[in-house]
PDB file of N, CA and C in Angstrom:
ATOM      1  N   MET A   1     -90.535 115.808  16.365  1.00  0.00           N
ATOM      2  CA  MET A   1     -90.419 116.960  15.405  1.00  0.00           C
ATOM      3  C   MET A   1     -89.347 117.804  15.630  1.00  0.00           C
ATOM      4  N   SER A   2     -88.607 117.518  16.611  1.00  0.00           N
ATOM      5  CA  SER A   2     -87.659 118.200  17.522  1.00  0.00           C
ATOM      6  C   SER A   2     -85.950 117.902  16.309  1.00  0.00           C
ATOM      7  N   HIS A   3     -86.029 116.528  15.479  1.00  0.00           N
ATOM      8  CA  HIS A   3     -84.773 116.404  15.105  1.00  0.00           C
ATOM      9  C   HIS A   3     -84.085 116.831  14.107  1.00  0.00           C
ATOM     10  N   TRP A   4     -83.162 117.069  13.994  1.00  0.00           N
ATOM     11  CA  TRP A   4     -82.805 118.041  12.717  1.00  0.00           C
ATOM     12  C   TRP A   4     -82.758 117.812  11.537  1.00  0.00           C
ATOM     13  N   VAL A   5     -83.459 116.413  11.433  1.00  0.00           N
ATOM     14  CA  VAL A   5     -83.585 115.836   9.951  1.00  0.00           C
ATOM     15  C   VAL A   5     -84.924 116.163   9.677  1.00  0.00           C
ATOM     16  N   LEU A   6     -85.530 116.453  10.499  1.00  0.00           N
ATOM     17  CA  LEU A   6     -87.079 116.892  10.440  1.00  0.00           C
ATOM     18  C   LEU A   6     -87.113 118.641  10.245  1.00  0.00           C
ATOM     19  N   LYS A   7     -86.281 119.307  10.291  1.00  0.00           N
ATOM     20  CA  LYS A   7     -86.586 120.610  10.157  1.00  0.00           C
ATOM     21  C   LYS A   7     -87.100 120.832   8.800  1.00  0.00           C
ATOM     22  N   GLY A   8     -88.371 121.703   8.855  1.00  0.00           N
ATOM     23  CA  GLY A   8     -89.017 122.506   7.853  1.00  0.00           C
ATOM     24  C   GLY A   8     -90.068 120.978   7.123  1.00  0.00           C
ATOM     25  N   ILE A   9     -89.968 120.048   8.037  1.00  0.00           N
ATOM     26  CA  ILE A   9     -90.967 118.892   7.077  1.00  0.00           C
ATOM     27  C   ILE A   9     -92.588 119.013   7.780  1.00  0.00           C
ATOM     28  N   LYS A  10     -93.263 119.118   7.452  1.00  0.00           N
ATOM     29  CA  LYS A  10     -94.568 118.794   7.421  1.00  0.00           C
ATOM     30  C   LYS A  10     -95.146 117.618   8.577  1.00  0.00           C
ATOM     31  N   HIS A  11     -95.874 117.636   9.536  1.00  0.00           N
ATOM     32  CA  HIS A  11     -96.564 116.737  10.342  1.00  0.00           C
ATOM     33  C   HIS A  11     -96.707 115.267   9.497  1.00  0.00           C
ATOM     34  N   GLU A  12     -97.270 115.604   8.148  1.00  0.00           N
ATOM     35  CA  GLU A  12     -98.139 114.650   7.297  1.00  0.00           C
ATOM     36  C   GLU A  12     -97.572 114.817   6.171  1.00  0.00           C
ATOM     37  N   PHE A  13     -97.330 113.998   5.230  1.00  0.00           N
ATOM     38  CA  PHE A  13     -96.820 114.450   3.995  1.00  0.00           C
ATOM     39  C   PHE A  13     -97.206 112.945   3.204  1.00  0.00           C
ATOM     40  N   ILE A  14     -97.000 113.118   1.767  1.00  0.00           N
ATOM     41  CA  ILE A  14     -96.909 112.161   0.809  1.00  0.00           C
ATOM     42  C   ILE A  14     -95.733 111.996   0.139  1.00  0.00           C
ATOM     43  N   CYS A  15     -95.756 110.502   0.169  1.00  0.00           N
ATOM     44  CA  CYS A  15     -94.191 109.995  -0.632  1.00  0.00           C
ATOM     45  C   CYS A  15     -94.817 108.297  -1.152  1.00  0.00           C
ATOM     46  N   GLU A  16     -93.998 108.192  -1.690  1.00  0.00           N
ATOM     47  CA  GLU A  16     -94.122 106.871  -2.288  1.00  0.00           C
ATOM     48  C   GLU A  16     -93.558 105.860  -1.389  1.00  0.00           C
ATOM     49  N   ASN A  17     -94.557 104.734  -1.480  1.00  0.00           N
ATOM     50  CA  ASN A  17     -94.132 103.712  -0.005  1.00  0.00           C
ATOM     51  C   ASN A  17     -94.648 102.575  -0.586  1.00  0.00           C
ATOM     52  N   THR A  18     -94.168 101.514  -1.148  1.00  0.00           N
ATOM     53  CA  THR A  18     -94.326 100.608  -1.679  1.00  0.00           C
ATOM     54  C   THR A  18     -94.067  99.208  -0.715  1.00  0.00           C
ATOM     55  N   ASN A  19     -93.094  99.297   0.219  1.00  0.00           N
ATOM     56  CA  ASN A  19     -92.379  98.107   0.705  1.00  0.00           C
ATOM     57  C   ASN A  19     -92.448  98.375   2.156  1.00  0.00           C
ATOM     58  N   GLU A  20     -92.074  97.212   2.642  1.00  0.00           N
ATOM     59  CA  GLU A  20     -92.183  97.171   4.363  1.00  0.00           C
ATOM     60  C   GLU A  20     -90.760  96.821   4.960  1.00  0.00           C
ATOM     61  N   TRP A  21     -90.112  97.401   5.753  1.00  0.00           N
ATOM     62  CA  TRP A  21     -88.914  97.058   6.247  1.00  0.00           C
ATOM     63  C   TRP A  21     -88.486  95.532   6.059  1.00  0.00           C
ATOM     64  N   ASP A  22     -87.366  95.298   5.619  1.00  0.00           N
ATOM     65  CA  ASP A  22     -86.935  93.947   5.475  1.00  0.00           C
ATOM     66  C   ASP A  22     -85.487  93.751   6.091  1.00  0.00           C
ATOM     67  N   PRO A  23     -85.344  93.818   7.451  1.00  0.00           N
ATOM     68  CA  PRO A  23     -84.044  93.605   8.171  1.00  0.00           C
ATOM     69  C   PRO A  23     -83.693  92.330   7.938  1.00  0.00           C
ATOM     70  N   HIS A  24     -82.408  92.166   7.898  1.00  0.00           N
ATOM     71  CA  HIS A  24     -81.676  90.969   8.004  1.00  0.00           C
ATOM     72  C   HIS A  24     -80.898  90.771   9.055  1.00  0.00           C
ATOM     73  N   PRO A  25     -81.169  90.081  10.233  1.00  0.00           N
ATOM     74  CA  PRO A  25     -80.467  90.298  11.359  1.00  0.00           C
ATOM     75  C   PRO A  25     -79.108  89.419  11.309  1.00  0.00           C
ATOM     76  N   VAL A  26     -78.883  88.383  10.384  1.00  0.00           N
ATOM     77  CA  VAL A  26     -77.780  87.851  10.280  1.00  0.00           C
ATOM     78  C   VAL A  26     -76.559  88.777  10.286  1.00  0.00           C
ATOM     79  N   SER A  27     -76.866  90.078   9.357  1.00  0.00           N
ATOM     80  CA  SER A  27     -75.669  90.878   9.333  1.00  0.00           C
ATOM     81  C   SER A  27     -75.383  91.376  10.490  1.00  0.00           C
ATOM     82  N   MET A  28     -76.246  91.552  11.738  1.00  0.00           N
ATOM     83  CA  MET A  28     -76.211  92.304  12.809  1.00  0.00           C
ATOM     84  C   MET A  28     -74.866  91.441  13.716  1.00  0.00           C
ATOM     85  N   THR A  29     -73.826  92.536  13.777  1.00  0.00           N
ATOM     86  CA  THR A  29     -72.870  91.461  14.519  1.00  0.00           C
ATOM     87  C   THR A  29     -72.834  91.906  16.250  1.00  0.00           C
ATOM     88  N   ASN A  30     -73.588  93.079  16.366  1.00  0.00           N
ATOM     89  CA  ASN A  30     -73.718  93.522  17.757  1.00  0.00           C
ATOM     90  C   ASN A  30     -75.288  93.894  17.978  1.00  0.00           C
ATOM     91  N   THR A  31     -76.346  92.971  18.180  1.00  0.00           N
ATOM     92  CA  THR A  31     -77.500  93.516  18.874  1.00  0.00           C
ATOM     93  C   THR A  31     -77.907  94.406  19.505  1.00  0.00           C
ATOM     94  N   GLU A  32     -77.075  94.640  21.040  1.00  0.00           N
ATOM     95  CA  GLU A  32     -77.078  95.657  21.644  1.00  0.00           C
ATOM     96  C   GLU A  32     -76.912  96.948  21.236  1.00  0.00           C
ATOM     97  N   ILE A  33     -75.899  97.449  20.209  1.00  0.00           N
ATOM     98  CA  ILE A  33     -75.689  98.695  19.961  1.00  0.00           C
ATOM     99  C   ILE A  33     -77.013  98.885  18.984  1.00  0.00           C
ATOM    100  N   VAL A  34     -77.652  97.933  18.286  1.00  0.00           N
ATOM    101  CA  VAL A  34     -78.859  98.497  17.212  1.00  0.00           C
ATOM    102  C   VAL A  34     -79.612  98.615  18.231  1.00  0.00           C
ATOM    103  N   GLU A  35     -80.023  97.815  19.502  1.00  0.00           N
ATOM    104  CA  GLU A  35     -81.122  98.347  19.930  1.00  0.00           C
ATOM    105  C   GLU A  35     -80.876  99.474  21.161  1.00  0.00           C
ATOM    106  N   THR A  36     -79.678 100.003  21.312  1.00  0.00           N
ATOM    107  CA  THR A  36     -79.693 101.140  22.153  1.00  0.00           C
ATOM    108  C   THR A  36     -79.735 102.652  21.250  1.00  0.00           C
ATOM    109  N   GLU A  37     -79.028 102.339  19.774  1.00  0.00           N
ATOM    110  CA  GLU A  37     -78.828 103.512  19.108  1.00  0.00           C
ATOM    111  C   GLU A  37     -79.759 103.664  18.361  1.00  0.00           C
ATOM    112  N   TYR A  38     -80.914 102.839  17.939  1.00  0.00           N
ATOM    113  CA  TYR A  38     -81.864 102.943  16.996  1.00  0.00           C
ATOM    114  C   TYR A  38     -82.916 103.735  17.391  1.00  0.00           C
ATOM    115  N   HIS A  39     -83.644 104.948  16.582  1.00  0.00           N
ATOM    116  CA  HIS A  39     -84.916 105.564  17.251  1.00  0.00           C
ATOM    117  C   HIS A  39     -85.573 105.856  15.656  1.00  0.00           C
ATOM    118  N   ALA A  40     -86.756 105.442  16.183  1.00  0.00           N
ATOM    119  CA  ALA A  40     -87.352 105.995  14.813  1.00  0.00           C
ATOM    120  C   ALA A  40     -88.678 107.065  15.489  1.00  0.00           C
ATOM    121  N   LEU A  41     -88.096 108.244  14.322  1.00  0.00           N
ATOM    122  CA  LEU A  41     -88.480 109.556  14.152  1.00  0.00           C
ATOM    123  C   LEU A  41     -89.745 109.597  13.562  1.00  0.00           C
ATOM    124  N   ALA A  42     -90.413 108.681  12.879  1.00  0.00           N
ATOM    125  CA  ALA A  42     -91.583 108.893  12.086  1.00  0.00           C
ATOM    126  C   ALA A  42     -92.322 107.757  11.529  1.00  0.00           C
ATOM    127  N   ASP A  43     -93.451 107.274  12.143  1.00  0.00           N
ATOM    128  CA  ASP A  43     -94.147 105.937  11.751  1.00  0.00           C
ATOM    129  C   ASP A  43     -95.142 106.084  10.711  1.00  0.00           C
ATOM    130  N   GLY A  44     -95.951 104.944  10.438  1.00  0.00           N
ATOM    131  CA  GLY A  44     -97.239 104.704   9.687  1.00  0.00           C
ATOM    132  C   GLY A  44     -97.442 103.422   9.403  1.00  0.00           C
ATOM    133  N   PRO A  45     -98.688 103.504   9.024  1.00  0.00           N
ATOM    134  CA  PRO A  45     -98.970 101.849   8.807  1.00  0.00           C
ATOM    135  C   PRO A  45     -98.247 100.763   8.499  1.00  0.00           C
ATOM    136  N   ARG A  46     -97.025 100.919   7.764  1.00  0.00           N
ATOM    137  CA  ARG A  46     -96.300  99.935   7.430  1.00  0.00           C
ATOM    138  C   ARG A  46     -94.860 100.182   8.413  1.00  0.00           C
ATOM    139  N   GLY A  47     -95.356 100.654   9.692  1.00  0.00           N
ATOM    140  CA  GLY A  47     -93.905 100.877  10.465  1.00  0.00           C
ATOM    141  C   GLY A  47     -93.270 102.008  10.777  1.00  0.00           C
ATOM    142  N   PRO A  48     -92.184 101.806  10.920  1.00  0.00           N
ATOM    143  CA  PRO A  48     -91.190 102.996  11.236  1.00  0.00           C
ATOM    144  C   PRO A  48     -90.764 103.938   9.737  1.00  0.00           C
ATOM    145  N   GLN A  49     -91.256 104.960   9.546  1.00  0.00           N
ATOM    146  CA  GLN A  49     -90.922 105.519   8.032  1.00  0.00           C
ATOM    147  C   GLN A  49     -89.580 106.326   8.135  1.00  0.00           C
ATOM    148  N   ILE A  50     -89.064 106.849   8.981  1.00  0.00           N
ATOM    149  CA  ILE A  50     -87.666 107.808   9.404  1.00  0.00           C
ATOM    150  C   ILE A  50     -87.249 107.266  10.541  1.00  0.00           C
ATOM    151  N   ALA A  51     -85.870 106.517  10.609  1.00  0.00           N
ATOM    152  CA  ALA A  51     -85.220 105.879  11.865  1.00  0.00           C
ATOM    153  C   ALA A  51     -83.846 106.455  11.450  1.00  0.00           C
ATOM    154  N   THR A  52     -83.060 106.537  12.762  1.00  0.00           N
ATOM    155  CA  THR A  52     -81.928 106.986  12.784  1.00  0.00           C
ATOM    156  C   THR A  52     -81.047 105.743  13.627  1.00  0.00           C
ATOM    157  N   HIS A  53     -79.857 105.477  13.452  1.00  0.00           N
ATOM    158  CA  HIS A  53     -78.951 104.619  13.863  1.00  0.00           C
ATOM    159  C   HIS A  53     -77.587 105.133  13.999  1.00  0.00           C
ATOM    160  N   MET A  54     -77.181 105.993  15.075  1.00  0.00           N
ATOM    161  CA  MET A  54     -75.756 106.303  15.015  1.00  0.00           C
ATOM    162  C   MET A  54     -75.785 107.551  13.944  1.00  0.00           C
ATOM    163  N   ASN A  55     -75.123 107.507  13.008  1.00  0.00           N
ATOM    164  CA  ASN A  55     -74.530 108.352  12.004  1.00  0.00           C
ATOM    165  C   ASN A  55     -75.418 108.398  11.010  1.00  0.00           C
ATOM    166  N   THR A  56     -76.672 107.138  10.824  1.00  0.00           N
ATOM    167  CA  THR A  56     -77.313 106.917   9.465  1.00  0.00           C
ATOM    168  C   THR A  56     -78.497 107.249  10.062  1.00  0.00           C
ATOM    169  N   ILE A  57     -79.380 107.942   8.503  1.00  0.00           N
ATOM    170  CA  ILE A  57     -80.552 107.883   8.967  1.00  0.00           C
ATOM    171  C   ILE A  57     -81.264 107.116   7.651  1.00  0.00           C
ATOM    172  N   ALA A  58     -82.318 106.294   7.986  1.00  0.00           N
ATOM    173  CA  ALA A  58     -83.271 105.399   7.234  1.00  0.00           C
ATOM    174  C   ALA A  58     -84.293 105.703   6.971  1.00  0.00           C
ATOM    175  N   LEU A  59     -84.540 105.640   5.582  1.00  0.00           N
ATOM    176  CA  LEU A  59     -85.775 106.359   5.029  1.00  0.00           C
ATOM    177  C   LEU A  59     -86.684 104.877   4.355  1.00  0.00           C
ATOM    178  N   GLN A  60     -88.060 104.529   4.634  1.00  0.00           N
ATOM    179  CA  GLN A  60     -88.823 103.613   4.178  1.00  0.00           C
ATOM    180  C   GLN A  60     -88.928 104.295   2.924  1.00  0.00           C
ATOM    181  N   PHE A  61     -88.833 105.145   2.221  1.00  0.00           N
ATOM    182  CA  PHE A  61     -89.574 105.636   1.004  1.00  0.00           C
ATOM    183  C   PHE A  61     -88.289 106.286   0.055  1.00  0.00           C
ATOM    184  N   PRO A  62     -88.039 106.409  -1.162  1.00  0.00           N
ATOM    185  CA  PRO A  62     -87.377 106.756  -2.147  1.00  0.00           C
ATOM    186  C   PRO A  62     -87.527 108.708  -1.984  1.00  0.00           C
ATOM    187  N   VAL A  63     -86.502 108.823  -2.030  1.00  0.00           N
ATOM    188  CA  VAL A  63     -86.443 110.312  -2.437  1.00  0.00           C
ATOM    189  C   VAL A  63     -86.770 110.722  -3.729  1.00  0.00           C
ATOM    190  N   LYS A  64     -87.875 111.520  -3.848  1.00  0.00           N
ATOM    191  CA  LYS A  64     -87.921 112.030  -5.399  1.00  0.00           C
ATOM    192  C   LYS A  64     -88.402 113.086  -5.486  1.00  0.00           C
ATOM    193  N   SER A  65     -88.180 113.970  -6.442  1.00  0.00           N
ATOM    194  CA  SER A  65     -88.630 115.485  -6.680  1.00  0.00           C
ATOM    195  C   SER A  65     -90.070 115.752  -6.547  1.00  0.00           C
ATOM    196  N   VAL A  66     -90.895 114.823  -6.926  1.00  0.00           N
ATOM    197  CA  VAL A  66     -92.202 115.254  -6.857  1.00  0.00           C
ATOM    198  C   VAL A  66     -92.970 115.032  -5.820  1.00  0.00           C
ATOM    199  N   HIS A  67     -92.181 114.599  -4.577  1.00  0.00           N
ATOM    200  CA  HIS A  67     -92.513 114.560  -3.273  1.00  0.00           C
ATOM    201  C   HIS A  67     -91.529 115.445  -2.436  1.00  0.00           C
ATOM    202  N   THR A  68     -92.062 116.468  -2.332  1.00  0.00           N
ATOM    203  CA  THR A  68     -90.695 117.547  -2.000  1.00  0.00           C
ATOM    204  C   THR A  68     -89.970 117.755  -0.586  1.00  0.00           C
ATOM    205  N   GLU A  69     -91.242 116.968   0.271  1.00  0.00           N
ATOM    206  CA  GLU A  69     -90.872 116.599   1.938  1.00  0.00           C
ATOM    207  C   GLU A  69     -89.471 115.672   1.691  1.00  0.00           C
ATOM    208  N   THR A  70     -89.307 114.799   0.669  1.00  0.00           N
ATOM    209  CA  THR A  70     -88.654 113.803   0.858  1.00  0.00           C
ATOM    210  C   THR A  70     -87.144 114.489   0.356  1.00  0.00           C
ATOM    211  N   VAL A  71     -87.022 115.655  -0.826  1.00  0.00           N
ATOM    212  CA  VAL A  71     -86.149 116.107  -0.781  1.00  0.00           C
ATOM    213  C   VAL A  71     -85.491 116.925   0.249  1.00  0.00           C
ATOM    214  N   ASN A  72     -86.417 117.473   0.988  1.00  0.00           N
ATOM    215  CA  ASN A  72     -85.998 118.297   2.167  1.00  0.00           C
ATOM    216  C   ASN A  72     -85.492 117.289   3.473  1.00  0.00           C
ATOM    217  N   ILE A  73     -85.878 116.146   3.240  1.00  0.00           N
ATOM    218  CA  ILE A  73     -85.348 115.304   4.364  1.00  0.00           C
ATOM    219  C   ILE A  73     -83.870 115.355   4.068  1.00  0.00           C
ATOM    220  N   LEU A  74     -83.731 114.972   2.594  1.00  0.00           N
ATOM    221  CA  LEU A  74     -82.117 114.709   1.921  1.00  0.00           C
ATOM    222  C   LEU A  74     -81.129 115.789   2.008  1.00  0.00           C
ATOM    223  N   HIS A  75     -82.110 116.787   1.886  1.00  0.00           N
ATOM    224  CA  HIS A  75     -81.262 118.306   2.057  1.00  0.00           C
ATOM    225  C   HIS A  75     -80.924 118.463   3.390  1.00  0.00           C
ATOM    226  N   ASN A  76     -81.693 118.289   4.480  1.00  0.00           N
ATOM    227  CA  ASN A  76     -81.324 118.432   5.726  1.00  0.00           C
ATOM    228  C   ASN A  76     -80.350 117.647   6.603  1.00  0.00           C
ATOM    229  N   PHE A  77     -80.491 116.443   5.673  1.00  0.00           N
ATOM    230  CA  PHE A  77     -79.227 115.286   6.197  1.00  0.00           C
ATOM    231  C   PHE A  77     -77.812 115.741   5.408  1.00  0.00           C
ATOM    232  N   ILE A  78     -77.518 116.102   4.484  1.00  0.00           N
ATOM    233  CA  ILE A  78     -76.536 116.505   3.836  1.00  0.00           C
ATOM    234  C   ILE A  78     -76.213 117.866   4.651  1.00  0.00           C
ATOM    235  N   HIS A  79     -77.011 118.583   4.792  1.00  0.00           N
ATOM    236  CA  HIS A  79     -76.444 119.790   5.280  1.00  0.00           C
ATOM    237  C   HIS A  79     -75.970 119.887   6.749  1.00  0.00           C
ATOM    238  N   HIS A  80     -76.775 118.942   7.561  1.00  0.00           N
ATOM    239  CA  HIS A  80     -75.968 118.738   8.502  1.00  0.00           C
ATOM    240  C   HIS A  80     -74.489 118.031   8.751  1.00  0.00           C
ATOM    241  N   ALA A  81     -74.293 116.908   7.738  1.00  0.00           N
ATOM    242  CA  ALA A  81     -73.012 116.270   7.168  1.00  0.00           C
ATOM    243  C   ALA A  81     -71.974 117.297   7.297  1.00  0.00           C
ATOM    244  N   LEU A  82     -72.510 118.242   6.440  1.00  0.00           N
ATOM    245  CA  LEU A  82     -71.478 119.258   6.039  1.00  0.00           C
ATOM    246  C   LEU A  82     -70.885 119.980   7.012  1.00  0.00           C
ATOM    247  N   ILE A  83     -71.674 120.381   7.990  1.00  0.00           N
ATOM    248  CA  ILE A  83     -71.607 120.796   9.293  1.00  0.00           C
ATOM    249  C   ILE A  83     -70.603 120.509  10.275  1.00  0.00           C
ATOM    250  N   ARG A  84     -71.050 118.914  10.478  1.00  0.00           N
ATOM    251  CA  ARG A  84     -70.181 118.317  11.285  1.00  0.00           C
ATOM    252  C   ARG A  84     -68.599 118.004  10.786  1.00  0.00           C
ATOM    253  N   VAL A  85     -69.007 117.908   9.180  1.00  0.00           N
ATOM    254  CA  VAL A  85     -67.290 117.788   8.684  1.00  0.00           C
ATOM    255  C   VAL A  85     -66.652 118.903   8.950  1.00  0.00           C
ATOM    256  N   SER A  86     -67.298 120.266   8.700  1.00  0.00           N
ATOM    257  CA  SER A  86     -66.516 121.336   8.658  1.00  0.00           C
ATOM    258  C   SER A  86     -66.497 121.741  10.143  1.00  0.00           C
ATOM    259  N   ASN A  87     -66.900 121.459  11.255  1.00  0.00           N
ATOM    260  CA  ASN A  87     -66.508 121.654  12.548  1.00  0.00           C
ATOM    261  C   ASN A  87     -65.678 120.661  12.895  1.00  0.00           C
ATOM    262  N   GLU A  88     -65.260 119.230  12.587  1.00  0.00           N
ATOM    263  CA  GLU A  88     -64.312 118.333  13.626  1.00  0.00           C
ATOM    264  C   GLU A  88     -63.325 118.926  13.541  1.00  0.00           C
ATOM    265  N   GLY A  89     -62.595 118.871  14.595  1.00  0.00           N
ATOM    266  CA  GLY A  89     -61.135 119.508  14.727  1.00  0.00           C
ATOM    267  C   GLY A  89     -61.183 120.599  14.961  1.00  0.00           C
ATOM    268  N   LYS A  90     -61.806 121.790  15.314  1.00  0.00           N
ATOM    269  CA  LYS A  90     -62.304 122.791  15.318  1.00  0.00           C
ATOM    270  C   LYS A  90     -61.958 123.054  16.828  1.00  0.00           C
ATOM    271  N   VAL A  91     -61.326 123.762  17.363  1.00  0.00           N
ATOM    272  CA  VAL A  91     -61.547 124.018  19.084  1.00  0.00           C
ATOM    273  C   VAL A  91     -62.591 124.603  19.568  1.00  0.00           C
ATOM    274  N   GLY A  92     -63.227 124.458  20.614  1.00  0.00           N
ATOM    275  CA  GLY A  92     -64.456 124.896  20.891  1.00  0.00           C
ATOM    276  C   GLY A  92     -65.916 124.478  20.074  1.00  0.00           C
ATOM    277  N   MET A  93     -65.400 123.717  19.034  1.00  0.00           N
ATOM    278  CA  MET A  93     -66.810 123.417  17.866  1.00  0.00           C
ATOM    279  C   MET A  93     -67.198 122.149  18.329  1.00  0.00           C
ATOM    280  N   GLY A  94     -68.163 122.033  19.349  1.00  0.00           N
ATOM    281  CA  GLY A  94     -68.430 120.395  19.502  1.00  0.00           C
ATOM    282  C   GLY A  94     -69.438 120.024  18.379  1.00  0.00           C
ATOM    283  N   LEU A  95     -69.601 118.714  18.213  1.00  0.00           N
ATOM    284  CA  LEU A  95     -70.246 118.145  17.128  1.00  0.00           C
ATOM    285  C   LEU A  95     -71.977 118.966  17.034  1.00  0.00           C
ATOM    286  N   ILE A  96     -72.714 118.845  16.463  1.00  0.00           N
ATOM    287  CA  ILE A  96     -74.029 119.500  16.426  1.00  0.00           C
ATOM    288  C   ILE A  96     -74.946 118.221  16.720  1.00  0.00           C
TER     289      ILE A  96
END
């Protein structure tokens, strides 16, 4: 729960989830990077629900306004991305 994308998110929330992960390993060119840079942030009965990979946040559910927690996750992602973009190249302002 300490990851920035989960800021203000409840430990449990309701969202639409009709699918399971369907990875396509044929498109992975360097599995070592995937294995070392992939982190599951939240899971459920259908597997990981929120995962990170380098600069990507993957959700197993759609962002819908009727499920406010999903919108908050998107808001956190956009907020973090804007901070990164505005701080890049500034002296003394490391990436968050």
